[in-house]
Amino acid sequence: MVYHMNMARRQVLVQLDDELVDLLDRLARHENVSRSELLRRGASAVLEAHRLGEAERRLVASYRERPQDPVIVETARRLAAETAPVW
């Protein structure tokens, strides 16, 4: 997610222990960004991971509801075995 200076923002209070703040500050300096930007990136990453997890859970549920045809699965397995690179 890209943030622009004119994007409306809300300030929130987050309590963190001193060690975590020190680690965040070091990483922020290394990445040449503010602590706030680093925390925004972290929040976005958590939300994206949750979104992907939900999509995966829905996909698994759909296959449980209507499983793949065993013939298609076996054909795909054979094709993968035949075309896999030799390491």
C-alpha atoms as a PDB file:
ATOM      1  CA  MET A   1       0.000   0.000   0.000  1.00  0.00           C
ATOM      2  CA  VAL A   2       1.339   3.408  -0.944  1.00  0.00           C
ATOM      3  CA  TYR A   3       0.801   6.324   1.386  1.00  0.00           C
ATOM      4  CA  HIS A   4       0.775   9.914   0.163  1.00  0.00           C
ATOM      5  CA  MET A   5       1.184  13.024   2.245  1.00  0.00           C
ATOM      6  CA  ASN A   6      -2.384  14.153   1.514  1.00  0.00           C
ATOM      7  CA  MET A   7      -3.964  10.872   2.637  1.00  0.00           C
ATOM      8  CA  ALA A   8      -6.143  11.356   5.702  1.00  0.00           C
ATOM      9  CA  ARG A   9      -4.570   9.758   8.751  1.00  0.00           C
ATOM     10  CA  ARG A  10      -5.630   9.141  12.286  1.00  0.00           C
ATOM     11  CA  GLN A  11      -3.204   9.121  15.165  1.00  0.00           C
ATOM     12  CA  VAL A  12      -3.478   6.052  17.393  1.00  0.00           C
ATOM     13  CA  LEU A  13      -1.827   5.227  20.674  1.00  0.00           C
ATOM     14  CA  VAL A  14       0.052   1.935  20.716  1.00  0.00           C
ATOM     15  CA  GLN A  15       1.863   0.702  23.782  1.00  0.00           C
ATOM     16  CA  LEU A  16       5.154  -1.075  23.095  1.00  0.00           C
ATOM     17  CA  ASP A  17       7.906  -2.184  25.429  1.00  0.00           C
ATOM     18  CA  ASP A  18      11.258  -0.382  25.332  1.00  0.00           C
ATOM     19  CA  GLU A  19      13.105  -3.240  23.621  1.00  0.00           C
ATOM     20  CA  LEU A  20      10.588  -3.369  20.774  1.00  0.00           C
ATOM     21  CA  VAL A  21      10.751   0.408  20.311  1.00  0.00           C
ATOM     22  CA  ASP A  22      14.565   0.257  20.204  1.00  0.00           C
ATOM     23  CA  LEU A  23      14.472  -2.507  17.590  1.00  0.00           C
ATOM     24  CA  LEU A  24      11.914  -0.619  15.514  1.00  0.00           C
ATOM     25  CA  ASP A  25      13.964   2.564  15.697  1.00  0.00           C
ATOM     26  CA  ARG A  26      17.097   0.752  14.562  1.00  0.00           C
ATOM     27  CA  LEU A  27      15.271  -0.819  11.643  1.00  0.00           C
ATOM     28  CA  ALA A  28      13.635   2.494  10.740  1.00  0.00           C
ATOM     29  CA  ARG A  29      17.072   4.170  10.631  1.00  0.00           C
ATOM     30  CA  HIS A  30      18.451   1.312   8.538  1.00  0.00           C
ATOM     31  CA  GLU A  31      15.510   1.571   6.112  1.00  0.00           C
ATOM     32  CA  ASN A  32      15.705   5.376   6.199  1.00  0.00           C
ATOM     33  CA  VAL A  33      12.031   5.742   7.156  1.00  0.00           C
ATOM     34  CA  SER A  34      10.194   7.013  10.203  1.00  0.00           C
ATOM     35  CA  ARG A  35       9.004   4.728  12.968  1.00  0.00           C
ATOM     36  CA  SER A  36       5.446   5.572  11.945  1.00  0.00           C
ATOM     37  CA  GLU A  37       6.109   4.488   8.357  1.00  0.00           C
ATOM     38  CA  LEU A  38       7.644   1.253   9.587  1.00  0.00           C
ATOM     39  CA  LEU A  39       4.594   0.558  11.765  1.00  0.00           C
ATOM     40  CA  ARG A  40       2.241   1.391   8.858  1.00  0.00           C
ATOM     41  CA  ARG A  41       4.122  -1.134   6.723  1.00  0.00           C
ATOM     42  CA  GLY A  42       3.872  -3.698   9.500  1.00  0.00           C
ATOM     43  CA  ALA A  43       0.141  -3.143   9.914  1.00  0.00           C
ATOM     44  CA  SER A  44      -0.340  -3.472   6.155  1.00  0.00           C
ATOM     45  CA  ALA A  45       1.668  -6.705   6.143  1.00  0.00           C
ATOM     46  CA  VAL A  46      -0.463  -8.167   8.942  1.00  0.00           C
ATOM     47  CA  LEU A  47      -3.668  -7.239   7.115  1.00  0.00           C
ATOM     48  CA  GLU A  48      -2.382  -8.689   3.819  1.00  0.00           C
ATOM     49  CA  ALA A  49      -1.328 -11.926   5.543  1.00  0.00           C
ATOM     50  CA  HIS A  50      -4.801 -12.178   7.054  1.00  0.00           C
ATOM     51  CA  ARG A  51      -6.424 -11.551   3.658  1.00  0.00           C
ATOM     52  CA  LEU A  52      -4.306 -14.255   2.025  1.00  0.00           C
ATOM     53  CA  GLY A  53      -5.020 -16.661   4.874  1.00  0.00           C
ATOM     54  CA  GLU A  54      -8.758 -16.096   4.476  1.00  0.00           C
ATOM     55  CA  ALA A  55      -8.518 -16.676   0.714  1.00  0.00           C
ATOM     56  CA  GLU A  56      -6.623 -19.930   1.331  1.00  0.00           C
ATOM     57  CA  ARG A  57      -9.197 -21.091   3.880  1.00  0.00           C
ATOM     58  CA  ARG A  58     -11.997 -20.382   1.376  1.00  0.00           C
ATOM     59  CA  LEU A  59     -10.132 -22.299  -1.330  1.00  0.00           C
ATOM     60  CA  VAL A  60      -9.613 -25.312   0.936  1.00  0.00           C
ATOM     61  CA  ALA A  61     -13.287 -25.219   1.959  1.00  0.00           C
ATOM     62  CA  SER A  62     -14.376 -25.152  -1.668  1.00  0.00           C
ATOM     63  CA  TYR A  63     -12.279 -28.230  -2.461  1.00  0.00           C
ATOM     64  CA  ARG A  64     -13.742 -30.018   0.548  1.00  0.00           C
ATOM     65  CA  GLU A  65     -17.213 -29.148  -0.683  1.00  0.00           C
ATOM     66  CA  ARG A  66     -16.460 -30.259  -4.240  1.00  0.00           C
ATOM     67  CA  PRO A  67     -13.239 -32.310  -4.444  1.00  0.00           C
ATOM     68  CA  GLN A  68     -11.143 -32.490  -7.584  1.00  0.00           C
ATOM     69  CA  ASP A  69     -11.830 -35.333  -9.988  1.00  0.00           C
ATOM     70  CA  PRO A  70      -9.281 -38.073  -9.102  1.00  0.00           C
ATOM     71  CA  VAL A  71      -8.515 -38.607 -12.807  1.00  0.00           C
ATOM     72  CA  ILE A  72      -7.512 -34.944 -13.190  1.00  0.00           C
ATOM     73  CA  VAL A  73      -5.362 -35.119 -10.050  1.00  0.00           C
ATOM     74  CA  GLU A  74      -3.575 -38.271 -11.246  1.00  0.00           C
ATOM     75  CA  THR A  75      -3.029 -36.814 -14.721  1.00  0.00           C
ATOM     76  CA  ALA A  76      -1.539 -33.644 -13.226  1.00  0.00           C
ATOM     77  CA  ARG A  77       0.703 -35.723 -10.936  1.00  0.00           C
ATOM     78  CA  ARG A  78       2.013 -37.752 -13.898  1.00  0.00           C
ATOM     79  CA  LEU A  79       2.554 -34.672 -16.036  1.00  0.00           C
ATOM     80  CA  ALA A  80       4.446 -32.976 -13.212  1.00  0.00           C
ATOM     81  CA  ALA A  81       6.615 -36.084 -12.722  1.00  0.00           C
ATOM     82  CA  GLU A  82       7.385 -36.251 -16.445  1.00  0.00           C
ATOM     83  CA  THR A  83       8.241 -32.574 -16.824  1.00  0.00           C
ATOM     84  CA  ALA A  84      10.076 -31.975 -13.528  1.00  0.00           C
ATOM     85  CA  PRO A  85      13.694 -30.922 -14.031  1.00  0.00           C
ATOM     86  CA  VAL A  86      16.418 -33.362 -13.079  1.00  0.00           C
ATOM     87  CA  TRP A  87      18.423 -31.880 -10.213  1.00  0.00           C
END
